[in-house]
Amino acid sequence: MAELKYEPVSHDHKAFLKNAQKREGFSKAYNDLEEEYTFVREMLSARSKSGLTQEAVAELMGTTKSAVSRLESAGKHAPSLTTLKKYAQAVGCDLKIEFIPKSGSAKHETGGVKQRAG
């Protein structure tokens, strides 16, 4: 079988956004998915740095190219933590998930739930 060489397709994201924002409803839909798009860009960057194709990542994960394609699509799929760990391992990365407090937000009350002393 012939070896596949990964050659990224150039994409001018700023030009794409400038053109797309002319369409009604695009800005709201895009903003609603901002976190997902940021995460997908991280995934694509990691895969690009590893030099792997979707096919190669799929083989390393024990899945299909179409599953990897869905995983790399913002807003279309909610992957499990296990799947994200497999993807990270396949592209030679560690997965780190953080909860970052929102600045200026008030602390939430326990709502009557008693907390046990540690």
N, C-alpha and C. Protein backbone atom coordinates (compact mmCIF):
# COMPACT_ATOMS: atom_id res chain seq x y z
N MET A 1 0.84 -1.19 0.00
CA MET A 1 0.00 0.00 0.00
C MET A 1 0.88 1.25 0.00
N ALA A 2 0.54 2.23 -0.79
CA ALA A 2 1.32 3.46 -0.90
C ALA A 2 1.22 4.27 0.39
N GLU A 3 2.33 4.85 0.80
CA GLU A 3 2.35 5.68 2.00
C GLU A 3 1.73 7.04 1.68
N LEU A 4 0.85 7.51 2.56
CA LEU A 4 0.22 8.80 2.36
C LEU A 4 1.05 9.88 3.02
N LYS A 5 1.26 10.98 2.34
CA LYS A 5 2.00 12.09 2.91
C LYS A 5 1.01 13.21 3.19
N TYR A 6 1.08 13.73 4.40
CA TYR A 6 0.19 14.80 4.82
C TYR A 6 0.65 16.13 4.25
N GLU A 7 -0.22 16.77 3.50
CA GLU A 7 0.05 18.08 2.95
C GLU A 7 -1.14 18.98 3.27
N PRO A 8 -0.97 19.86 4.28
CA PRO A 8 -2.10 20.71 4.69
C PRO A 8 -2.58 21.62 3.56
N VAL A 9 -3.87 21.84 3.52
CA VAL A 9 -4.47 22.75 2.55
C VAL A 9 -4.47 24.14 3.17
N SER A 10 -3.97 25.12 2.45
CA SER A 10 -3.93 26.48 3.00
C SER A 10 -5.36 27.02 3.13
N HIS A 11 -5.55 27.80 4.18
CA HIS A 11 -6.87 28.35 4.45
C HIS A 11 -6.68 29.72 5.09
N ASP A 12 -7.25 30.75 4.49
CA ASP A 12 -7.19 32.09 5.05
C ASP A 12 -8.44 32.30 5.89
N HIS A 13 -8.31 32.00 7.19
CA HIS A 13 -9.46 32.03 8.08
C HIS A 13 -10.05 33.44 8.21
N LYS A 14 -9.19 34.44 8.27
CA LYS A 14 -9.68 35.83 8.39
C LYS A 14 -10.52 36.23 7.18
N ALA A 15 -10.05 35.86 5.99
CA ALA A 15 -10.80 36.18 4.77
C ALA A 15 -12.12 35.42 4.75
N PHE A 16 -12.09 34.15 5.19
CA PHE A 16 -13.31 33.36 5.25
C PHE A 16 -14.33 34.02 6.18
N LEU A 17 -13.88 34.41 7.37
CA LEU A 17 -14.79 35.04 8.33
C LEU A 17 -15.35 36.36 7.81
N LYS A 18 -14.49 37.16 7.20
CA LYS A 18 -14.93 38.46 6.66
C LYS A 18 -16.05 38.26 5.64
N ASN A 19 -15.90 37.29 4.77
CA ASN A 19 -16.90 37.01 3.75
C ASN A 19 -18.15 36.39 4.38
N ALA A 20 -17.96 35.45 5.29
CA ALA A 20 -19.09 34.74 5.90
C ALA A 20 -19.95 35.64 6.77
N GLN A 21 -19.34 36.65 7.40
CA GLN A 21 -20.10 37.53 8.29
C GLN A 21 -21.12 38.39 7.55
N LYS A 22 -21.05 38.40 6.25
CA LYS A 22 -22.04 39.12 5.44
C LYS A 22 -23.38 38.37 5.42
N ARG A 23 -23.34 37.08 5.72
CA ARG A 23 -24.56 36.27 5.70
C ARG A 23 -25.35 36.48 6.99
N GLU A 24 -26.66 36.60 6.82
CA GLU A 24 -27.54 36.80 7.96
C GLU A 24 -27.46 35.63 8.94
N GLY A 25 -27.29 35.95 10.21
CA GLY A 25 -27.27 34.94 11.25
C GLY A 25 -25.93 34.27 11.48
N PHE A 26 -24.96 34.52 10.58
CA PHE A 26 -23.66 33.86 10.72
C PHE A 26 -22.94 34.26 12.00
N SER A 27 -22.87 35.56 12.27
CA SER A 27 -22.11 36.04 13.44
C SER A 27 -22.62 35.44 14.73
N LYS A 28 -23.93 35.39 14.91
CA LYS A 28 -24.49 34.82 16.14
C LYS A 28 -24.17 33.34 16.24
N ALA A 29 -24.36 32.62 15.15
CA ALA A 29 -24.08 31.18 15.14
C ALA A 29 -22.60 30.91 15.41
N TYR A 30 -21.73 31.70 14.82
CA TYR A 30 -20.29 31.54 15.01
C TYR A 30 -19.91 31.83 16.46
N ASN A 31 -20.43 32.92 17.00
CA ASN A 31 -20.13 33.29 18.38
C ASN A 31 -20.64 32.25 19.36
N ASP A 32 -21.79 31.64 19.07
CA ASP A 32 -22.34 30.60 19.94
C ASP A 32 -21.43 29.38 19.99
N LEU A 33 -20.64 29.18 18.95
CA LEU A 33 -19.74 28.02 18.88
C LEU A 33 -18.26 28.39 19.08
N GLU A 34 -18.01 29.57 19.64
CA GLU A 34 -16.64 30.06 19.78
C GLU A 34 -15.72 29.07 20.50
N GLU A 35 -16.16 28.51 21.61
CA GLU A 35 -15.33 27.57 22.36
C GLU A 35 -15.04 26.31 21.54
N GLU A 36 -16.06 25.83 20.83
CA GLU A 36 -15.87 24.64 20.01
C GLU A 36 -14.86 24.90 18.89
N TYR A 37 -14.98 26.08 18.23
CA TYR A 37 -14.05 26.40 17.15
C TYR A 37 -12.62 26.52 17.68
N THR A 38 -12.46 27.12 18.86
CA THR A 38 -11.13 27.24 19.47
C THR A 38 -10.56 25.86 19.73
N PHE A 39 -11.38 24.96 20.27
CA PHE A 39 -10.92 23.61 20.57
C PHE A 39 -10.55 22.85 19.30
N VAL A 40 -11.36 22.98 18.27
CA VAL A 40 -11.07 22.30 16.99
C VAL A 40 -9.77 22.83 16.40
N ARG A 41 -9.54 24.15 16.48
CA ARG A 41 -8.27 24.69 15.98
C ARG A 41 -7.08 24.09 16.74
N GLU A 42 -7.24 23.88 18.05
CA GLU A 42 -6.18 23.24 18.84
C GLU A 42 -5.93 21.81 18.35
N MET A 43 -7.01 21.08 18.09
CA MET A 43 -6.88 19.71 17.60
C MET A 43 -6.17 19.68 16.25
N LEU A 44 -6.61 20.52 15.34
CA LEU A 44 -6.02 20.55 14.00
C LEU A 44 -4.55 20.96 14.05
N SER A 45 -4.22 21.89 14.93
CA SER A 45 -2.84 22.31 15.10
C SER A 45 -1.99 21.16 15.61
N ALA A 46 -2.50 20.42 16.59
CA ALA A 46 -1.77 19.28 17.14
C ALA A 46 -1.55 18.21 16.07
N ARG A 47 -2.58 17.94 15.27
CA ARG A 47 -2.45 16.93 14.22
C ARG A 47 -1.46 17.40 13.16
N SER A 48 -1.53 18.68 12.80
CA SER A 48 -0.61 19.23 11.81
C SER A 48 0.83 19.12 12.29
N LYS A 49 1.07 19.47 13.55
CA LYS A 49 2.43 19.40 14.10
C LYS A 49 2.94 17.96 14.15
N SER A 50 2.02 17.01 14.31
CA SER A 50 2.43 15.60 14.35
C SER A 50 2.70 15.06 12.95
N GLY A 51 2.22 15.78 11.91
CA GLY A 51 2.43 15.35 10.53
C GLY A 51 1.55 14.19 10.12
N LEU A 52 0.47 13.96 10.85
CA LEU A 52 -0.40 12.81 10.57
C LEU A 52 -1.63 13.21 9.77
N THR A 53 -2.09 12.29 8.95
CA THR A 53 -3.36 12.46 8.23
C THR A 53 -4.49 12.00 9.15
N GLN A 54 -5.72 12.32 8.77
CA GLN A 54 -6.87 11.80 9.51
C GLN A 54 -6.86 10.28 9.49
N GLU A 55 -6.46 9.70 8.37
CA GLU A 55 -6.41 8.24 8.26
C GLU A 55 -5.43 7.65 9.27
N ALA A 56 -4.26 8.28 9.40
CA ALA A 56 -3.25 7.78 10.33
C ALA A 56 -3.72 7.91 11.78
N VAL A 57 -4.35 9.05 12.10
CA VAL A 57 -4.88 9.25 13.45
C VAL A 57 -5.96 8.20 13.73
N ALA A 58 -6.81 7.98 12.76
CA ALA A 58 -7.88 6.98 12.92
C ALA A 58 -7.29 5.60 13.22
N GLU A 59 -6.26 5.23 12.48
CA GLU A 59 -5.64 3.92 12.70
C GLU A 59 -5.05 3.82 14.10
N LEU A 60 -4.38 4.89 14.55
CA LEU A 60 -3.80 4.90 15.89
C LEU A 60 -4.86 4.86 16.99
N MET A 61 -6.04 5.44 16.70
CA MET A 61 -7.14 5.46 17.66
C MET A 61 -7.98 4.19 17.61
N GLY A 62 -7.83 3.42 16.54
CA GLY A 62 -8.66 2.24 16.36
C GLY A 62 -10.06 2.58 15.91
N THR A 63 -10.15 3.60 15.04
CA THR A 63 -11.46 4.04 14.55
C THR A 63 -11.35 4.32 13.05
N THR A 64 -12.32 5.04 12.51
CA THR A 64 -12.36 5.34 11.08
C THR A 64 -12.00 6.80 10.81
N LYS A 65 -11.61 7.07 9.56
CA LYS A 65 -11.32 8.44 9.15
C LYS A 65 -12.55 9.33 9.32
N SER A 66 -13.72 8.80 9.02
CA SER A 66 -14.94 9.61 9.15
C SER A 66 -15.20 9.98 10.62
N ALA A 67 -14.83 9.09 11.55
CA ALA A 67 -14.99 9.40 12.97
C ALA A 67 -14.04 10.53 13.38
N VAL A 68 -12.82 10.50 12.86
CA VAL A 68 -11.85 11.57 13.15
C VAL A 68 -12.33 12.87 12.52
N SER A 69 -12.87 12.81 11.33
CA SER A 69 -13.40 13.99 10.67
C SER A 69 -14.52 14.62 11.49
N ARG A 70 -15.43 13.79 12.00
CA ARG A 70 -16.51 14.31 12.86
C ARG A 70 -15.94 14.94 14.12
N LEU A 71 -14.93 14.31 14.68
CA LEU A 71 -14.29 14.80 15.90
C LEU A 71 -13.68 16.19 15.67
N GLU A 72 -13.16 16.41 14.47
CA GLU A 72 -12.53 17.68 14.13
C GLU A 72 -13.50 18.70 13.55
N SER A 73 -14.79 18.48 13.70
CA SER A 73 -15.81 19.40 13.20
C SER A 73 -16.51 20.08 14.37
N ALA A 74 -16.44 21.38 14.43
CA ALA A 74 -17.05 22.14 15.53
C ALA A 74 -18.57 22.05 15.50
N GLY A 75 -19.14 21.83 16.66
CA GLY A 75 -20.58 21.88 16.82
C GLY A 75 -21.35 20.70 16.31
N LYS A 76 -20.68 19.72 15.74
CA LYS A 76 -21.38 18.59 15.16
C LYS A 76 -21.29 17.33 16.00
N HIS A 77 -20.40 17.35 16.99
CA HIS A 77 -20.14 16.12 17.73
C HIS A 77 -19.71 16.47 19.15
N ALA A 78 -20.16 15.71 20.11
CA ALA A 78 -19.76 15.90 21.51
C ALA A 78 -18.97 14.66 21.93
N PRO A 79 -17.65 14.69 21.73
CA PRO A 79 -16.85 13.50 22.01
C PRO A 79 -16.72 13.21 23.51
N SER A 80 -16.52 11.96 23.83
CA SER A 80 -16.31 11.57 25.22
C SER A 80 -14.89 11.90 25.63
N LEU A 81 -14.66 11.92 26.92
CA LEU A 81 -13.32 12.16 27.44
C LEU A 81 -12.36 11.06 26.97
N THR A 82 -12.84 9.84 26.93
CA THR A 82 -12.03 8.72 26.45
C THR A 82 -11.59 8.94 25.01
N THR A 83 -12.48 9.40 24.16
CA THR A 83 -12.16 9.66 22.76
C THR A 83 -11.13 10.78 22.65
N LEU A 84 -11.31 11.84 23.43
CA LEU A 84 -10.35 12.95 23.39
C LEU A 84 -8.97 12.49 23.85
N LYS A 85 -8.92 11.62 24.85
CA LYS A 85 -7.64 11.09 25.32
C LYS A 85 -6.96 10.27 24.22
N LYS A 86 -7.75 9.46 23.51
CA LYS A 86 -7.20 8.65 22.41
C LYS A 86 -6.66 9.55 21.30
N TYR A 87 -7.39 10.60 20.97
CA TYR A 87 -6.95 11.54 19.94
C TYR A 87 -5.64 12.19 20.36
N ALA A 88 -5.59 12.69 21.59
CA ALA A 88 -4.39 13.34 22.10
C ALA A 88 -3.18 12.40 22.03
N GLN A 89 -3.38 11.17 22.45
CA GLN A 89 -2.30 10.18 22.42
C GLN A 89 -1.86 9.93 20.97
N ALA A 90 -2.81 9.82 20.07
CA ALA A 90 -2.49 9.54 18.66
C ALA A 90 -1.65 10.65 18.04
N VAL A 91 -1.90 11.91 18.43
CA VAL A 91 -1.14 13.03 17.85
C VAL A 91 0.05 13.43 18.72
N GLY A 92 0.36 12.60 19.71
CA GLY A 92 1.55 12.82 20.53
C GLY A 92 1.42 13.93 21.55
N CYS A 93 0.23 14.08 22.11
CA CYS A 93 -0.03 15.15 23.08
C CYS A 93 -0.62 14.58 24.37
N ASP A 94 -0.57 15.39 25.41
CA ASP A 94 -1.31 15.12 26.63
C ASP A 94 -2.57 15.97 26.58
N LEU A 95 -3.65 15.47 27.16
CA LEU A 95 -4.90 16.21 27.21
C LEU A 95 -5.01 16.89 28.56
N LYS A 96 -5.32 18.19 28.55
CA LYS A 96 -5.49 18.95 29.79
C LYS A 96 -6.81 19.69 29.70
N ILE A 97 -7.67 19.44 30.66
CA ILE A 97 -8.97 20.12 30.71
C ILE A 97 -9.00 20.93 32.00
N GLU A 98 -9.36 22.19 31.91
CA GLU A 98 -9.37 23.07 33.07
C GLU A 98 -10.73 23.71 33.27
N PHE A 99 -11.04 23.99 34.52
CA PHE A 99 -12.17 24.84 34.86
C PHE A 99 -11.57 26.17 35.27
N ILE A 100 -11.86 27.21 34.51
CA ILE A 100 -11.30 28.53 34.76
C ILE A 100 -12.41 29.43 35.27
N PRO A 101 -12.27 29.93 36.51
CA PRO A 101 -13.31 30.81 37.05
C PRO A 101 -13.51 32.04 36.18
N LYS A 102 -14.74 32.42 36.00
CA LYS A 102 -15.05 33.62 35.25
C LYS A 102 -14.70 34.82 36.11
N SER A 103 -14.05 35.79 35.53
CA SER A 103 -13.65 36.96 36.30
C SER A 103 -14.89 37.76 36.71
N GLY A 104 -14.88 38.20 37.96
CA GLY A 104 -15.97 39.02 38.46
C GLY A 104 -17.24 38.26 38.81
N SER A 105 -17.23 36.94 38.70
CA SER A 105 -18.46 36.21 39.01
C SER A 105 -18.52 35.94 40.51
N ALA A 106 -19.73 36.04 41.05
CA ALA A 106 -19.94 35.79 42.48
C ALA A 106 -19.84 34.30 42.75
N LYS A 107 -19.41 33.98 43.97
CA LYS A 107 -19.37 32.57 44.35
C LYS A 107 -20.80 32.09 44.53
N HIS A 108 -21.04 30.86 44.11
CA HIS A 108 -22.38 30.28 44.21
C HIS A 108 -22.64 29.79 45.63
N GLU A 109 -23.86 30.00 46.07
CA GLU A 109 -24.27 29.50 47.38
C GLU A 109 -24.52 28.00 47.25
N THR A 110 -24.48 27.28 48.36
CA THR A 110 -24.70 25.83 48.32
C THR A 110 -26.16 25.48 48.24
N GLY A 111 -27.05 26.45 48.38
CA GLY A 111 -28.47 26.20 48.22
C GLY A 111 -29.04 25.24 49.26
N GLY A 112 -28.54 25.33 50.48
CA GLY A 112 -29.07 24.50 51.54
C GLY A 112 -28.44 23.12 51.62
N VAL A 113 -27.53 22.80 50.73
CA VAL A 113 -26.85 21.50 50.79
C VAL A 113 -25.75 21.61 51.82
N LYS A 114 -25.79 20.70 52.78
CA LYS A 114 -24.77 20.73 53.84
C LYS A 114 -23.49 20.10 53.32
N GLN A 115 -22.39 20.75 53.63
CA GLN A 115 -21.10 20.23 53.24
C GLN A 115 -20.44 19.60 54.45
N ARG A 116 -19.86 18.43 54.24
CA ARG A 116 -19.17 17.74 55.33
C ARG A 116 -17.79 18.33 55.50
N ALA A 117 -17.35 18.37 56.72
CA ALA A 117 -15.99 18.83 57.02
C ALA A 117 -15.01 17.78 56.52
N GLY A 118 -13.92 18.22 55.89
CA GLY A 118 -12.97 17.32 55.27
C GLY A 118 -12.11 16.67 56.26
